[in-house]
PDB file of N, CA and C in Angstrom:
ATOM      1  N   MET A   1      68.603  -6.148  51.532  1.00  0.00           N
ATOM      2  CA  MET A   1      67.077  -6.956  50.896  1.00  0.00           C
ATOM      3  C   MET A   1      66.442  -5.976  50.891  1.00  0.00           C
ATOM      4  N   GLU A   2      65.940  -4.633  51.660  1.00  0.00           N
ATOM      5  CA  GLU A   2      64.576  -3.919  51.368  1.00  0.00           C
ATOM      6  C   GLU A   2      65.026  -3.614  50.279  1.00  0.00           C
ATOM      7  N   SER A   3      65.597  -3.320  49.197  1.00  0.00           N
ATOM      8  CA  SER A   3      65.715  -2.686  48.098  1.00  0.00           C
ATOM      9  C   SER A   3      64.827  -3.980  47.154  1.00  0.00           C
ATOM     10  N   ASN A   4      65.461  -5.424  47.558  1.00  0.00           N
ATOM     11  CA  ASN A   4      65.110  -6.707  46.836  1.00  0.00           C
ATOM     12  C   ASN A   4      63.291  -6.577  47.592  1.00  0.00           C
ATOM     13  N   GLU A   5      63.108  -6.152  48.789  1.00  0.00           N
ATOM     14  CA  GLU A   5      62.111  -6.516  49.296  1.00  0.00           C
ATOM     15  C   GLU A   5      60.567  -5.432  48.417  1.00  0.00           C
ATOM     16  N   ALA A   6      61.177  -4.216  48.220  1.00  0.00           N
ATOM     17  CA  ALA A   6      60.591  -2.870  47.894  1.00  0.00           C
ATOM     18  C   ALA A   6      60.267  -3.034  46.430  1.00  0.00           C
ATOM     19  N   ALA A   7      61.887  -3.893  45.439  1.00  0.00           N
ATOM     20  CA  ALA A   7      61.524  -4.165  44.394  1.00  0.00           C
ATOM     21  C   ALA A   7      60.158  -5.485  43.923  1.00  0.00           C
ATOM     22  N   SER A   8      60.630  -6.082  45.145  1.00  0.00           N
ATOM     23  CA  SER A   8      59.482  -6.952  44.760  1.00  0.00           C
ATOM     24  C   SER A   8      57.715  -6.694  44.944  1.00  0.00           C
ATOM     25  N   GLN A   9      57.761  -5.734  45.946  1.00  0.00           N
ATOM     26  CA  GLN A   9      56.460  -4.824  46.540  1.00  0.00           C
ATOM     27  C   GLN A   9      56.058  -4.486  45.211  1.00  0.00           C
ATOM     28  N   ILE A  10      56.597  -3.726  44.483  1.00  0.00           N
ATOM     29  CA  ILE A  10      56.632  -2.554  43.348  1.00  0.00           C
ATOM     30  C   ILE A  10      56.058  -3.589  42.160  1.00  0.00           C
ATOM     31  N   ARG A  11      56.647  -4.788  42.145  1.00  0.00           N
ATOM     32  CA  ARG A  11      56.365  -5.698  40.978  1.00  0.00           C
ATOM     33  C   ARG A  11      54.780  -6.267  41.131  1.00  0.00           C
ATOM     34  N   HIS A  12      54.787  -6.829  42.470  1.00  0.00           N
ATOM     35  CA  HIS A  12      53.234  -7.298  42.541  1.00  0.00           C
ATOM     36  C   HIS A  12      52.403  -6.082  42.897  1.00  0.00           C
ATOM     37  N   MET A  13      52.731  -5.144  42.941  1.00  0.00           N
ATOM     38  CA  MET A  13      51.736  -3.620  42.372  1.00  0.00           C
ATOM     39  C   MET A  13      51.567  -3.589  41.361  1.00  0.00           C
ATOM     40  N   VAL A  14      52.930  -3.502  40.533  1.00  0.00           N
ATOM     41  CA  VAL A  14      52.140  -3.035  39.102  1.00  0.00           C
ATOM     42  C   VAL A  14      51.589  -4.099  38.617  1.00  0.00           C
ATOM     43  N   ALA A  15      52.141  -5.823  38.688  1.00  0.00           N
ATOM     44  CA  ALA A  15      51.186  -6.755  38.484  1.00  0.00           C
ATOM     45  C   ALA A  15      49.748  -6.569  38.814  1.00  0.00           C
ATOM     46  N   PHE A  16      49.301  -6.146  40.475  1.00  0.00           N
ATOM     47  CA  PHE A  16      47.908  -5.880  40.691  1.00  0.00           C
ATOM     48  C   PHE A  16      47.210  -4.863  39.346  1.00  0.00           C
ATOM     49  N   LEU A  17      48.147  -3.654  39.119  1.00  0.00           N
ATOM     50  CA  LEU A  17      47.434  -2.871  38.823  1.00  0.00           C
ATOM     51  C   LEU A  17      47.490  -3.258  37.332  1.00  0.00           C
ATOM     52  N   LYS A  18      48.225  -4.040  36.369  1.00  0.00           N
ATOM     53  CA  LYS A  18      48.244  -4.421  35.221  1.00  0.00           C
ATOM     54  C   LYS A  18      46.494  -5.495  35.237  1.00  0.00           C
ATOM     55  N   GLN A  19      46.317  -6.288  36.347  1.00  0.00           N
ATOM     56  CA  GLN A  19      45.540  -7.536  36.366  1.00  0.00           C
ATOM     57  C   GLN A  19      43.968  -6.203  36.650  1.00  0.00           C
ATOM     58  N   GLU A  20      43.761  -5.281  37.383  1.00  0.00           N
ATOM     59  CA  GLU A  20      42.876  -4.606  37.183  1.00  0.00           C
ATOM     60  C   GLU A  20      42.685  -3.886  36.470  1.00  0.00           C
ATOM     61  N   GLY A  21      43.666  -3.305  35.644  1.00  0.00           N
ATOM     62  CA  GLY A  21      43.449  -2.650  34.140  1.00  0.00           C
ATOM     63  C   GLY A  21      43.093  -3.683  33.321  1.00  0.00           C
ATOM     64  N   ALA A  22      43.666  -4.805  33.096  1.00  0.00           N
ATOM     65  CA  ALA A  22      42.949  -6.008  32.203  1.00  0.00           C
ATOM     66  C   ALA A  22      41.503  -6.185  32.921  1.00  0.00           C
ATOM     67  N   GLU A  23      41.029  -6.210  33.917  1.00  0.00           N
ATOM     68  CA  GLU A  23      40.052  -6.099  34.265  1.00  0.00           C
ATOM     69  C   GLU A  23      39.119  -5.220  33.616  1.00  0.00           C
ATOM     70  N   LYS A  24      39.587  -3.923  34.107  1.00  0.00           N
ATOM     71  CA  LYS A  24      38.233  -3.033  33.759  1.00  0.00           C
ATOM     72  C   LYS A  24      38.325  -2.811  32.229  1.00  0.00           C
ATOM     73  N   CYS A  25      39.441  -3.146  31.569  1.00  0.00           N
ATOM     74  CA  CYS A  25      39.466  -2.955  29.716  1.00  0.00           C
ATOM     75  C   CYS A  25      38.429  -4.342  29.330  1.00  0.00           C
ATOM     76  N   GLU A  26      38.519  -4.963  29.517  1.00  0.00           N
ATOM     77  CA  GLU A  26      37.546  -6.337  29.801  1.00  0.00           C
ATOM     78  C   GLU A  26      36.007  -6.073  30.504  1.00  0.00           C
ATOM     79  N   GLU A  27      36.074  -5.330  31.269  1.00  0.00           N
ATOM     80  CA  GLU A  27      34.348  -5.085  31.802  1.00  0.00           C
ATOM     81  C   GLU A  27      34.101  -4.103  30.721  1.00  0.00           C
ATOM     82  N   ILE A  28      34.764  -2.954  30.365  1.00  0.00           N
ATOM     83  CA  ILE A  28      34.277  -2.241  29.395  1.00  0.00           C
ATOM     84  C   ILE A  28      33.604  -2.464  27.953  1.00  0.00           C
ATOM     85  N   ARG A  29      34.790  -3.616  27.675  1.00  0.00           N
ATOM     86  CA  ARG A  29      34.771  -4.147  26.467  1.00  0.00           C
ATOM     87  C   ARG A  29      33.334  -4.424  26.247  1.00  0.00           C
ATOM     88  N   LEU A  30      33.054  -5.549  27.782  1.00  0.00           N
ATOM     89  CA  LEU A  30      31.484  -6.094  27.547  1.00  0.00           C
ATOM     90  C   LEU A  30      30.636  -5.089  26.994  1.00  0.00           C
ATOM     91  N   ARG A  31      30.959  -3.981  28.568  1.00  0.00           N
ATOM     92  CA  ARG A  31      29.798  -3.326  28.464  1.00  0.00           C
ATOM     93  C   ARG A  31      29.451  -2.953  26.745  1.00  0.00           C
ATOM     94  N   ALA A  32      30.136  -2.251  26.271  1.00  0.00           N
ATOM     95  CA  ALA A  32      30.404  -1.736  24.948  1.00  0.00           C
ATOM     96  C   ALA A  32      29.385  -2.853  23.822  1.00  0.00           C
ATOM     97  N   GLU A  33      30.105  -3.849  24.015  1.00  0.00           N
ATOM     98  CA  GLU A  33      29.571  -5.229  23.136  1.00  0.00           C
ATOM     99  C   GLU A  33      27.711  -4.851  23.559  1.00  0.00           C
ATOM    100  N   LYS A  34      27.450  -5.081  24.515  1.00  0.00           N
ATOM    101  CA  LYS A  34      26.369  -5.321  25.174  1.00  0.00           C
ATOM    102  C   LYS A  34      25.495  -4.085  24.644  1.00  0.00           C
ATOM    103  N   GLU A  35      26.187  -2.637  25.051  1.00  0.00           N
ATOM    104  CA  GLU A  35      25.367  -1.312  24.564  1.00  0.00           C
ATOM    105  C   GLU A  35      25.154  -1.946  22.914  1.00  0.00           C
ATOM    106  N   ALA A  36      25.986  -2.121  22.229  1.00  0.00           N
ATOM    107  CA  ALA A  36      26.204  -2.288  20.320  1.00  0.00           C
ATOM    108  C   ALA A  36      25.127  -3.141  20.090  1.00  0.00           C
ATOM    109  N   ALA A  37      24.791  -3.885  20.902  1.00  0.00           N
ATOM    110  CA  ALA A  37      24.210  -5.295  20.812  1.00  0.00           C
ATOM    111  C   ALA A  37      22.512  -4.600  21.108  1.00  0.00           C
ATOM    112  N   GLU A  38      22.601  -3.563  21.650  1.00  0.00           N
ATOM    113  CA  GLU A  38      21.293  -3.556  22.339  1.00  0.00           C
ATOM    114  C   GLU A  38      20.859  -2.566  21.381  1.00  0.00           C
ATOM    115  N   GLU A  39      21.741  -1.159  21.140  1.00  0.00           N
ATOM    116  CA  GLU A  39      21.362  -0.651  19.998  1.00  0.00           C
ATOM    117  C   GLU A  39      20.671  -0.953  18.731  1.00  0.00           C
ATOM    118  N   LYS A  40      21.713  -2.016  18.187  1.00  0.00           N
ATOM    119  CA  LYS A  40      21.853  -2.722  16.822  1.00  0.00           C
ATOM    120  C   LYS A  40      20.201  -3.436  17.168  1.00  0.00           C
ATOM    121  N   GLY A  41      19.718  -4.236  17.890  1.00  0.00           N
ATOM    122  CA  GLY A  41      18.415  -4.621  18.402  1.00  0.00           C
ATOM    123  C   GLY A  41      17.521  -3.287  17.854  1.00  0.00           C
ATOM    124  N   ARG A  42      18.040  -2.410  18.409  1.00  0.00           N
ATOM    125  CA  ARG A  42      16.414  -1.225  18.555  1.00  0.00           C
ATOM    126  C   ARG A  42      16.523  -0.538  17.098  1.00  0.00           C
ATOM    127  N   ARG A  43      17.479  -0.561  16.975  1.00  0.00           N
ATOM    128  CA  ARG A  43      17.489   0.045  15.091  1.00  0.00           C
ATOM    129  C   ARG A  43      17.424  -1.349  13.920  1.00  0.00           C
ATOM    130  N   LYS A  44      17.290  -2.328  14.269  1.00  0.00           N
ATOM    131  CA  LYS A  44      16.993  -3.326  13.490  1.00  0.00           C
ATOM    132  C   LYS A  44      15.086  -3.025  13.685  1.00  0.00           C
ATOM    133  N   ALA A  45      14.597  -3.259  15.299  1.00  0.00           N
ATOM    134  CA  ALA A  45      13.367  -2.853  15.017  1.00  0.00           C
ATOM    135  C   ALA A  45      12.715  -1.764  14.590  1.00  0.00           C
ATOM    136  N   GLU A  46      13.685  -0.939  15.080  1.00  0.00           N
ATOM    137  CA  GLU A  46      13.061   0.818  14.249  1.00  0.00           C
ATOM    138  C   GLU A  46      12.727   0.423  12.456  1.00  0.00           C
ATOM    139  N   GLY A  47      13.812  -0.105  12.407  1.00  0.00           N
ATOM    140  CA  GLY A  47      13.877  -0.218  10.402  1.00  0.00           C
ATOM    141  C   GLY A  47      12.960  -1.332  10.087  1.00  0.00           C
ATOM    142  N   GLU A  48      12.387  -2.371  11.010  1.00  0.00           N
ATOM    143  CA  GLU A  48      11.370  -3.509  10.829  1.00  0.00           C
ATOM    144  C   GLU A  48      10.033  -2.539  10.830  1.00  0.00           C
ATOM    145  N   LYS A  49       9.972  -1.788  11.504  1.00  0.00           N
ATOM    146  CA  LYS A  49       8.717  -1.100  12.058  1.00  0.00           C
ATOM    147  C   LYS A  49       8.240   0.018  10.595  1.00  0.00           C
ATOM    148  N   GLU A  50       9.418   0.548  10.413  1.00  0.00           N
ATOM    149  CA  GLU A  50       9.488   1.471   9.129  1.00  0.00           C
ATOM    150  C   GLU A  50       8.704   0.636   7.812  1.00  0.00           C
ATOM    151  N   LEU A  51       9.787  -0.228   8.025  1.00  0.00           N
ATOM    152  CA  LEU A  51       9.361  -1.114   6.534  1.00  0.00           C
ATOM    153  C   LEU A  51       7.955  -1.115   6.562  1.00  0.00           C
ATOM    154  N   ASN A  52       7.505  -2.197   7.897  1.00  0.00           N
ATOM    155  CA  ASN A  52       6.014  -2.674   7.592  1.00  0.00           C
ATOM    156  C   ASN A  52       4.772  -1.347   7.909  1.00  0.00           C
ATOM    157  N   VAL A  53       5.604  -0.035   8.236  1.00  0.00           N
ATOM    158  CA  VAL A  53       4.778   0.960   8.107  1.00  0.00           C
ATOM    159  C   VAL A  53       4.634   1.389   6.360  1.00  0.00           C
ATOM    160  N   GLU A  54       5.245   1.305   6.050  1.00  0.00           N
ATOM    161  CA  GLU A  54       5.827   1.751   4.108  1.00  0.00           C
ATOM    162  C   GLU A  54       4.770   0.713   3.809  1.00  0.00           C
ATOM    163  N   PHE A  55       5.253  -0.570   3.984  1.00  0.00           N
ATOM    164  CA  PHE A  55       4.353  -1.648   3.514  1.00  0.00           C
ATOM    165  C   PHE A  55       2.869  -1.866   3.308  1.00  0.00           C
ATOM    166  N   GLU A  56       2.457  -1.124   4.722  1.00  0.00           N
ATOM    167  CA  GLU A  56       1.233  -1.242   4.782  1.00  0.00           C
ATOM    168  C   GLU A  56      -0.191   0.211   3.774  1.00  0.00           C
ATOM    169  N   ARG A  57       1.105   0.925   3.663  1.00  0.00           N
ATOM    170  CA  ARG A  57       1.079   2.148   3.179  1.00  0.00           C
ATOM    171  C   ARG A  57       0.954   1.814   1.268  1.00  0.00           C
ATOM    172  N   ARG A  58       1.452   1.776   0.804  1.00  0.00           N
ATOM    173  CA  ARG A  58       1.612   1.044  -0.112  1.00  0.00           C
ATOM    174  C   ARG A  58       0.817  -0.441  -0.854  1.00  0.00           C
ATOM    175  N   LYS A  59       0.303  -0.897   0.116  1.00  0.00           N
ATOM    176  CA  LYS A  59      -0.810  -2.191   0.129  1.00  0.00           C
ATOM    177  C   LYS A  59      -1.940  -1.075  -0.430  1.00  0.00           C
ATOM    178  N   LYS A  60      -2.159  -0.719   1.125  1.00  0.00           N
ATOM    179  CA  LYS A  60      -3.335   0.333   1.331  1.00  0.00           C
ATOM    180  C   LYS A  60      -3.581   1.217  -0.594  1.00  0.00           C
ATOM    181  N   GLN A  61      -2.419   2.073  -1.000  1.00  0.00           N
ATOM    182  CA  GLN A  61      -2.573   2.688  -1.761  1.00  0.00           C
ATOM    183  C   GLN A  61      -2.783   1.776  -3.297  1.00  0.00           C
ATOM    184  N   LEU A  62      -2.133   0.743  -3.067  1.00  0.00           N
ATOM    185  CA  LEU A  62      -2.606   0.025  -4.345  1.00  0.00           C
ATOM    186  C   LEU A  62      -3.950  -1.027  -4.556  1.00  0.00           C
ATOM    187  N   GLN A  63      -4.448  -1.236  -3.469  1.00  0.00           N
ATOM    188  CA  GLN A  63      -5.789  -1.493  -2.953  1.00  0.00           C
ATOM    189  C   GLN A  63      -6.902  -0.010  -4.025  1.00  0.00           C
ATOM    190  N   THR A  64      -6.538   0.721  -2.965  1.00  0.00           N
ATOM    191  CA  THR A  64      -7.065   1.944  -3.341  1.00  0.00           C
ATOM    192  C   THR A  64      -7.336   2.357  -4.600  1.00  0.00           C
ATOM    193  N   GLN A  65      -6.066   2.420  -5.526  1.00  0.00           N
ATOM    194  CA  GLN A  65      -6.095   2.168  -7.047  1.00  0.00           C
ATOM    195  C   GLN A  65      -6.759   0.807  -7.458  1.00  0.00           C
ATOM    196  N   ARG A  66      -6.441  -0.356  -7.304  1.00  0.00           N
ATOM    197  CA  ARG A  66      -7.500  -1.455  -7.629  1.00  0.00           C
ATOM    198  C   ARG A  66      -9.063  -0.835  -7.864  1.00  0.00           C
ATOM    199  N   GLN A  67      -9.875  -0.439  -6.605  1.00  0.00           N
ATOM    200  CA  GLN A  67     -10.499  -0.140  -6.479  1.00  0.00           C
ATOM    201  C   GLN A  67     -10.951   1.257  -7.421  1.00  0.00           C
ATOM    202  N   ILE A  68     -10.362   1.816  -7.870  1.00  0.00           N
ATOM    203  CA  ILE A  68     -10.759   3.364  -8.717  1.00  0.00           C
ATOM    204  C   ILE A  68     -10.478   2.568  -9.644  1.00  0.00           C
ATOM    205  N   ASP A  69      -9.683   1.813 -10.531  1.00  0.00           N
ATOM    206  CA  ASP A  69      -9.535   0.997 -11.530  1.00  0.00           C
ATOM    207  C   ASP A  69     -10.782   0.202 -11.853  1.00  0.00           C
ATOM    208  N   GLU A  70     -11.461  -0.554 -11.034  1.00  0.00           N
ATOM    209  CA  GLU A  70     -12.711  -1.626 -11.366  1.00  0.00           C
ATOM    210  C   GLU A  70     -13.591  -0.532 -11.203  1.00  0.00           C
ATOM    211  N   SER A  71     -13.710   0.471 -10.876  1.00  0.00           N
ATOM    212  CA  SER A  71     -14.991   1.620 -10.786  1.00  0.00           C
ATOM    213  C   SER A  71     -15.010   2.187 -11.988  1.00  0.00           C
ATOM    214  N   GLN A  72     -13.816   2.392 -12.624  1.00  0.00           N
ATOM    215  CA  GLN A  72     -13.850   3.377 -13.752  1.00  0.00           C
ATOM    216  C   GLN A  72     -14.050   1.781 -15.255  1.00  0.00           C
ATOM    217  N   GLU A  73     -13.759   0.248 -14.562  1.00  0.00           N
ATOM    218  CA  GLU A  73     -14.321  -0.444 -15.887  1.00  0.00           C
ATOM    219  C   GLU A  73     -15.702  -0.565 -15.375  1.00  0.00           C
ATOM    220  N   LYS A  74     -16.432  -0.539 -14.519  1.00  0.00           N
ATOM    221  CA  LYS A  74     -17.655  -0.294 -14.283  1.00  0.00           C
ATOM    222  C   LYS A  74     -18.781   0.276 -14.839  1.00  0.00           C
ATOM    223  N   LYS A  75     -18.253   1.595 -14.624  1.00  0.00           N
ATOM    224  CA  LYS A  75     -18.282   3.244 -15.334  1.00  0.00           C
ATOM    225  C   LYS A  75     -18.484   3.111 -17.184  1.00  0.00           C
ATOM    226  N   ALA A  76     -17.419   2.464 -17.593  1.00  0.00           N
ATOM    227  CA  ALA A  76     -17.114   2.477 -18.948  1.00  0.00           C
ATOM    228  C   ALA A  76     -18.437   1.127 -19.458  1.00  0.00           C
ATOM    229  N   ALA A  77     -18.257   0.166 -18.716  1.00  0.00           N
ATOM    230  CA  ALA A  77     -19.229  -0.425 -18.855  1.00  0.00           C
ATOM    231  C   ALA A  77     -21.089  -0.122 -18.714  1.00  0.00           C
ATOM    232  N   ARG A  78     -21.129   0.426 -17.801  1.00  0.00           N
ATOM    233  CA  ARG A  78     -22.368   0.889 -17.789  1.00  0.00           C
ATOM    234  C   ARG A  78     -22.705   2.212 -19.002  1.00  0.00           C
ATOM    235  N   LEU A  79     -21.606   3.000 -19.422  1.00  0.00           N
ATOM    236  CA  LEU A  79     -21.731   3.710 -20.785  1.00  0.00           C
ATOM    237  C   LEU A  79     -21.939   3.175 -21.975  1.00  0.00           C
ATOM    238  N   ARG A  80     -21.095   2.034 -22.533  1.00  0.00           N
ATOM    239  CA  ARG A  80     -21.367   1.037 -22.862  1.00  0.00           C
ATOM    240  C   ARG A  80     -22.725   0.697 -23.347  1.00  0.00           C
ATOM    241  N   VAL A  81     -23.309  -0.093 -22.440  1.00  0.00           N
ATOM    242  CA  VAL A  81     -24.342  -0.070 -22.203  1.00  0.00           C
ATOM    243  C   VAL A  81     -25.609   0.744 -22.505  1.00  0.00           C
ATOM    244  N   LEU A  82     -25.532   2.099 -22.197  1.00  0.00           N
ATOM    245  CA  LEU A  82     -26.294   3.321 -22.049  1.00  0.00           C
ATOM    246  C   LEU A  82     -25.968   4.150 -23.651  1.00  0.00           C
ATOM    247  N   ALA A  83     -25.097   3.614 -23.608  1.00  0.00           N
ATOM    248  CA  ALA A  83     -24.835   4.071 -25.729  1.00  0.00           C
ATOM    249  C   ALA A  83     -25.769   3.005 -26.507  1.00  0.00           C
ATOM    250  N   ALA A  84     -25.731   1.938 -26.502  1.00  0.00           N
ATOM    251  CA  ALA A  84     -26.222   0.578 -27.138  1.00  0.00           C
ATOM    252  C   ALA A  84     -27.445   0.974 -26.893  1.00  0.00           C
ATOM    253  N   ARG A  85     -28.278   1.047 -25.474  1.00  0.00           N
ATOM    254  CA  ARG A  85     -29.434   1.794 -25.282  1.00  0.00           C
ATOM    255  C   ARG A  85     -29.572   2.334 -26.336  1.00  0.00           C
ATOM    256  N   ASP A  86     -29.605   3.564 -26.407  1.00  0.00           N
ATOM    257  CA  ASP A  86     -29.604   4.914 -27.198  1.00  0.00           C
ATOM    258  C   ASP A  86     -29.494   4.720 -28.198  1.00  0.00           C
ATOM    259  N   GLU A  87     -28.979   3.668 -28.805  1.00  0.00           N
ATOM    260  CA  GLU A  87     -29.130   3.562 -30.308  1.00  0.00           C
ATOM    261  C   GLU A  87     -29.913   2.849 -30.463  1.00  0.00           C
ATOM    262  N   MET A  88     -30.570   2.155 -29.752  1.00  0.00           N
ATOM    263  CA  MET A  88     -31.401   1.027 -30.210  1.00  0.00           C
ATOM    264  C   MET A  88     -32.861   2.269 -30.098  1.00  0.00           C
ATOM    265  N   VAL A  89     -32.629   2.922 -28.771  1.00  0.00           N
ATOM    266  CA  VAL A  89     -34.126   3.779 -29.107  1.00  0.00           C
ATOM    267  C   VAL A  89     -34.116   4.649 -29.749  1.00  0.00           C
ATOM    268  N   GLN A  90     -33.124   5.269 -30.382  1.00  0.00           N
ATOM    269  CA  GLN A  90     -33.129   6.177 -31.833  1.00  0.00           C
ATOM    270  C   GLN A  90     -33.221   5.178 -33.045  1.00  0.00           C
ATOM    271  N   ALA A  91     -32.980   4.022 -33.081  1.00  0.00           N
ATOM    272  CA  ALA A  91     -33.422   3.356 -33.995  1.00  0.00           C
ATOM    273  C   ALA A  91     -35.038   3.058 -34.237  1.00  0.00           C
ATOM    274  N   LEU A  92     -35.622   2.775 -33.334  1.00  0.00           N
ATOM    275  CA  LEU A  92     -36.883   2.281 -33.094  1.00  0.00           C
ATOM    276  C   LEU A  92     -37.631   3.377 -32.784  1.00  0.00           C
ATOM    277  N   LYS A  93     -37.192   4.655 -32.165  1.00  0.00           N
ATOM    278  CA  LYS A  93     -37.705   5.990 -32.628  1.00  0.00           C
ATOM    279  C   LYS A  93     -37.872   6.504 -34.314  1.00  0.00           C
ATOM    280  N   GLN A  94     -36.483   5.662 -35.065  1.00  0.00           N
ATOM    281  CA  GLN A  94     -36.793   6.116 -36.609  1.00  0.00           C
ATOM    282  C   GLN A  94     -38.162   4.971 -37.514  1.00  0.00           C
ATOM    283  N   ASP A  95     -37.819   3.923 -36.367  1.00  0.00           N
ATOM    284  CA  ASP A  95     -38.805   2.945 -37.624  1.00  0.00           C
ATOM    285  C   ASP A  95     -39.962   3.284 -37.123  1.00  0.00           C
ATOM    286  N   VAL A  96     -40.422   3.992 -35.742  1.00  0.00           N
ATOM    287  CA  VAL A  96     -42.198   4.155 -35.586  1.00  0.00           C
ATOM    288  C   VAL A  96     -42.409   5.516 -36.907  1.00  0.00           C
ATOM    289  N   ARG A  97     -41.254   6.486 -36.879  1.00  0.00           N
ATOM    290  CA  ARG A  97     -41.529   7.775 -37.344  1.00  0.00           C
ATOM    291  C   ARG A  97     -42.077   7.374 -39.112  1.00  0.00           C
ATOM    292  N   THR A  98     -40.873   5.972 -39.648  1.00  0.00           N
ATOM    293  CA  THR A  98     -41.434   5.134 -40.494  1.00  0.00           C
ATOM    294  C   THR A  98     -41.957   5.067 -41.007  1.00  0.00           C
ATOM    295  N   ARG A  99     -42.973   4.193 -40.194  1.00  0.00           N
ATOM    296  CA  ARG A  99     -44.176   3.080 -40.106  1.00  0.00           C
ATOM    297  C   ARG A  99     -45.314   4.643 -40.043  1.00  0.00           C
ATOM    298  N   LEU A 100     -45.283   5.485 -39.100  1.00  0.00           N
ATOM    299  CA  LEU A 100     -46.562   6.173 -39.322  1.00  0.00           C
ATOM    300  C   LEU A 100     -46.446   7.388 -40.269  1.00  0.00           C
ATOM    301  N   GLU A 101     -44.874   7.379 -40.970  1.00  0.00           N
ATOM    302  CA  GLU A 101     -45.130   8.294 -42.194  1.00  0.00           C
ATOM    303  C   GLU A 101     -45.859   7.372 -43.234  1.00  0.00           C
ATOM    304  N   ALA A 102     -45.438   6.298 -43.439  1.00  0.00           N
ATOM    305  CA  ALA A 102     -46.408   5.439 -44.163  1.00  0.00           C
ATOM    306  C   ALA A 102     -47.753   5.060 -43.986  1.00  0.00           C
ATOM    307  N   THR A 103     -48.502   5.079 -42.746  1.00  0.00           N
ATOM    308  CA  THR A 103     -49.709   4.848 -42.254  1.00  0.00           C
ATOM    309  C   THR A 103     -50.389   6.179 -42.731  1.00  0.00           C
ATOM    310  N   ALA A 104     -50.062   7.492 -42.474  1.00  0.00           N
ATOM    311  CA  ALA A 104     -50.325   8.820 -42.744  1.00  0.00           C
ATOM    312  C   ALA A 104     -50.538   8.381 -44.405  1.00  0.00           C
ATOM    313  N   HIS A 105     -50.026   8.230 -44.957  1.00  0.00           N
ATOM    314  CA  HIS A 105     -50.388   8.102 -46.593  1.00  0.00           C
ATOM    315  C   HIS A 105     -51.705   7.510 -46.535  1.00  0.00           C
ATOM    316  N   ASP A 106     -51.961   6.337 -45.716  1.00  0.00           N
ATOM    317  CA  ASP A 106     -52.770   5.320 -45.738  1.00  0.00           C
ATOM    318  C   ASP A 106     -54.087   5.936 -45.235  1.00  0.00           C
ATOM    319  N   GLU A 107     -55.119   6.133 -45.748  1.00  0.00           N
ATOM    320  CA  GLU A 107     -56.343   6.752 -44.830  1.00  0.00           C
ATOM    321  C   GLU A 107     -57.127   5.088 -44.044  1.00  0.00           C
ATOM    322  N   LYS A 108     -57.026   4.511 -44.395  1.00  0.00           N
ATOM    323  CA  LYS A 108     -57.678   3.423 -43.611  1.00  0.00           C
ATOM    324  C   LYS A 108     -56.932   2.820 -42.998  1.00  0.00           C
ATOM    325  N   ARG A 109     -55.613   2.848 -43.057  1.00  0.00           N
ATOM    326  CA  ARG A 109     -54.711   2.317 -41.834  1.00  0.00           C
ATOM    327  C   ARG A 109     -54.512   3.383 -40.615  1.00  0.00           C
ATOM    328  N   TYR A 110     -54.732   4.926 -41.602  1.00  0.00           N
ATOM    329  CA  TYR A 110     -54.560   5.985 -40.525  1.00  0.00           C
ATOM    330  C   TYR A 110     -55.804   5.655 -39.840  1.00  0.00           C
ATOM    331  N   VAL A 111     -57.115   6.028 -40.283  1.00  0.00           N
ATOM    332  CA  VAL A 111     -57.931   5.737 -39.135  1.00  0.00           C
ATOM    333  C   VAL A 111     -58.091   4.632 -38.159  1.00  0.00           C
ATOM    334  N   SER A 112     -57.614   3.476 -38.596  1.00  0.00           N
ATOM    335  CA  SER A 112     -57.439   2.219 -37.786  1.00  0.00           C
ATOM    336  C   SER A 112     -56.519   2.939 -36.604  1.00  0.00           C
ATOM    337  N   LEU A 113     -55.522   3.452 -36.865  1.00  0.00           N
ATOM    338  CA  LEU A 113     -54.591   3.220 -36.158  1.00  0.00           C
ATOM    339  C   LEU A 113     -55.012   4.940 -34.872  1.00  0.00           C
ATOM    340  N   LEU A 114     -55.901   5.553 -35.570  1.00  0.00           N
ATOM    341  CA  LEU A 114     -56.729   6.594 -34.707  1.00  0.00           C
ATOM    342  C   LEU A 114     -57.364   5.985 -33.331  1.00  0.00           C
ATOM    343  N   ARG A 115     -58.359   4.822 -33.958  1.00  0.00           N
ATOM    344  CA  ARG A 115     -59.186   4.509 -33.218  1.00  0.00           C
ATOM    345  C   ARG A 115     -58.974   3.462 -32.228  1.00  0.00           C
ATOM    346  N   GLU A 116     -57.532   2.605 -32.661  1.00  0.00           N
ATOM    347  CA  GLU A 116     -56.471   2.409 -31.431  1.00  0.00           C
ATOM    348  C   GLU A 116     -56.383   2.777 -30.279  1.00  0.00           C
ATOM    349  N   LEU A 117     -55.892   4.073 -31.175  1.00  0.00           N
ATOM    350  CA  LEU A 117     -55.241   4.877 -29.704  1.00  0.00           C
ATOM    351  C   LEU A 117     -56.422   5.530 -29.213  1.00  0.00           C
ATOM    352  N   ILE A 118     -57.471   5.682 -29.403  1.00  0.00           N
ATOM    353  CA  ILE A 118     -58.574   6.418 -28.308  1.00  0.00           C
ATOM    354  C   ILE A 118     -58.750   5.377 -27.810  1.00  0.00           C
TER     355      ILE A 118
END
């Protein structure tokens, strides 16, 4: 009987150890899954943060480039206006020069012009 009893105790002990091992294994698996989920969440948050930082950097870069482009367009428009103005001034100067030359040849108009200028 003792050998049956010993064998029975050994079986109970083996079953108990197997149960303890299975429980420990499950505990380790659950902890690993939890840690993996936490790590996944942390990495996801870090990735989203990096993407947001990059998005904001590119957005600012585009805004800056847009402002530069607008400024260059305004500058080009001002230069066109100044060039047109200069052309008009040059044409006006040429017209005045031509009229003054014509007036200089006509003594009566020349004397009249001088009196008006004084």
